[in-house]
Amino acid sequence: MSKRLIPLAAMEKIMKKAGADRVSDRAKVALKNVLEDIAEEIATDSVKLAFHAGRKTVKAGDIKLATKR
């Protein structure tokens, strides 16, 4: 079982905000896994961009740029 970085309750809130009446536990876990994978990729790219710019601090601009790649 993976370590929970994003709570499952947040997944349900996102799905309900999108219009779902009910959300299964498996759907919550699936969405959580996908979002955490995407977030990890963006974070990795953001760190590389900050390092390339000669910084140790990741800034919002690095995140935005990483999402456009």
C-alpha atoms as a PDB file:
ATOM      1  CA  MET A   1       0.000   0.000   0.000  1.00  0.00           C
ATOM      2  CA  SER A   2       1.358   3.403  -0.917  1.00  0.00           C
ATOM      3  CA  LYS A   3       1.972   6.168   1.541  1.00  0.00           C
ATOM      4  CA  ARG A   4      -0.898   8.641   1.575  1.00  0.00           C
ATOM      5  CA  LEU A   5       0.255  12.039   0.418  1.00  0.00           C
ATOM      6  CA  ILE A   6      -3.163  13.257  -0.688  1.00  0.00           C
ATOM      7  CA  PRO A   7      -6.128  12.314   1.501  1.00  0.00           C
ATOM      8  CA  LEU A   8      -8.884  10.195  -0.022  1.00  0.00           C
ATOM      9  CA  ALA A   9     -11.483  12.640   1.278  1.00  0.00           C
ATOM     10  CA  ALA A  10     -10.000  15.268  -1.038  1.00  0.00           C
ATOM     11  CA  MET A  11     -10.491  12.900  -3.988  1.00  0.00           C
ATOM     12  CA  GLU A  12     -14.158  12.531  -3.125  1.00  0.00           C
ATOM     13  CA  LYS A  13     -14.571  16.311  -2.884  1.00  0.00           C
ATOM     14  CA  ILE A  14     -12.981  16.759  -6.310  1.00  0.00           C
ATOM     15  CA  MET A  15     -15.225  14.112  -7.872  1.00  0.00           C
ATOM     16  CA  LYS A  16     -18.365  15.531  -6.252  1.00  0.00           C
ATOM     17  CA  LYS A  17     -17.433  19.039  -7.371  1.00  0.00           C
ATOM     18  CA  ALA A  18     -17.181  17.590 -10.885  1.00  0.00           C
ATOM     19  CA  GLY A  19     -20.765  16.368 -10.582  1.00  0.00           C
ATOM     20  CA  ALA A  20     -20.582  12.832  -9.152  1.00  0.00           C
ATOM     21  CA  ASP A  21     -23.399  11.874  -6.792  1.00  0.00           C
ATOM     22  CA  ARG A  22     -21.459   8.966  -5.315  1.00  0.00           C
ATOM     23  CA  VAL A  23     -17.805   7.905  -5.519  1.00  0.00           C
ATOM     24  CA  SER A  24     -16.502   4.401  -4.854  1.00  0.00           C
ATOM     25  CA  ASP A  25     -13.456   3.804  -2.683  1.00  0.00           C
ATOM     26  CA  ARG A  26     -11.636   2.289  -5.669  1.00  0.00           C
ATOM     27  CA  ALA A  27     -12.325   5.422  -7.732  1.00  0.00           C
ATOM     28  CA  LYS A  28     -10.907   7.608  -4.960  1.00  0.00           C
ATOM     29  CA  VAL A  29      -7.742   5.509  -4.804  1.00  0.00           C
ATOM     30  CA  ALA A  30      -7.402   5.485  -8.601  1.00  0.00           C
ATOM     31  CA  LEU A  31      -7.700   9.268  -8.838  1.00  0.00           C
ATOM     32  CA  LYS A  32      -5.271   9.706  -5.941  1.00  0.00           C
ATOM     33  CA  ASN A  33      -2.669   7.494  -7.612  1.00  0.00           C
ATOM     34  CA  VAL A  34      -2.948   9.296 -10.943  1.00  0.00           C
ATOM     35  CA  LEU A  35      -2.726  12.750  -9.359  1.00  0.00           C
ATOM     36  CA  GLU A  36       0.257  11.769  -7.212  1.00  0.00           C
ATOM     37  CA  ASP A  37       2.074  10.375 -10.264  1.00  0.00           C
ATOM     38  CA  ILE A  38       1.468  13.579 -12.217  1.00  0.00           C
ATOM     39  CA  ALA A  39       2.482  15.718  -9.234  1.00  0.00           C
ATOM     40  CA  GLU A  40       5.723  13.769  -8.829  1.00  0.00           C
ATOM     41  CA  GLU A  41       6.607  14.308 -12.504  1.00  0.00           C
ATOM     42  CA  ILE A  42       5.910  18.032 -12.242  1.00  0.00           C
ATOM     43  CA  ALA A  43       7.906  18.299  -9.012  1.00  0.00           C
ATOM     44  CA  THR A  44      10.886  16.494 -10.545  1.00  0.00           C
ATOM     45  CA  ASP A  45      10.856  18.741 -13.609  1.00  0.00           C
ATOM     46  CA  SER A  46      10.472  21.828 -11.404  1.00  0.00           C
ATOM     47  CA  VAL A  47      13.508  20.889  -9.320  1.00  0.00           C
ATOM     48  CA  LYS A  48      15.546  20.392 -12.502  1.00  0.00           C
ATOM     49  CA  LEU A  49      14.475  23.820 -13.773  1.00  0.00           C
ATOM     50  CA  ALA A  50      15.413  25.511 -10.507  1.00  0.00           C
ATOM     51  CA  PHE A  51      18.785  23.749 -10.475  1.00  0.00           C
ATOM     52  CA  HIS A  52      19.402  24.759 -14.090  1.00  0.00           C
ATOM     53  CA  ALA A  53      18.698  28.375 -13.101  1.00  0.00           C
ATOM     54  CA  GLY A  54      21.291  28.084 -10.328  1.00  0.00           C
ATOM     55  CA  ARG A  55      18.773  28.028  -7.485  1.00  0.00           C
ATOM     56  CA  LYS A  56      18.053  25.613  -4.669  1.00  0.00           C
ATOM     57  CA  THR A  57      14.583  27.079  -4.189  1.00  0.00           C
ATOM     58  CA  VAL A  58      11.764  25.899  -6.448  1.00  0.00           C
ATOM     59  CA  LYS A  59       9.525  28.819  -7.376  1.00  0.00           C
ATOM     60  CA  ALA A  60       6.003  29.011  -8.728  1.00  0.00           C
ATOM     61  CA  GLY A  61       7.380  29.873 -12.155  1.00  0.00           C
ATOM     62  CA  ASP A  62       9.282  26.575 -12.206  1.00  0.00           C
ATOM     63  CA  ILE A  63       6.045  24.719 -11.527  1.00  0.00           C
ATOM     64  CA  LYS A  64       4.206  26.609 -14.270  1.00  0.00           C
ATOM     65  CA  LEU A  65       7.015  26.011 -16.753  1.00  0.00           C
ATOM     66  CA  ALA A  66       7.191  22.319 -15.857  1.00  0.00           C
ATOM     67  CA  THR A  67       3.487  21.892 -16.605  1.00  0.00           C
ATOM     68  CA  LYS A  68       3.951  23.303 -20.107  1.00  0.00           C
ATOM     69  CA  ARG A  69       6.551  20.711 -21.122  1.00  0.00           C
END
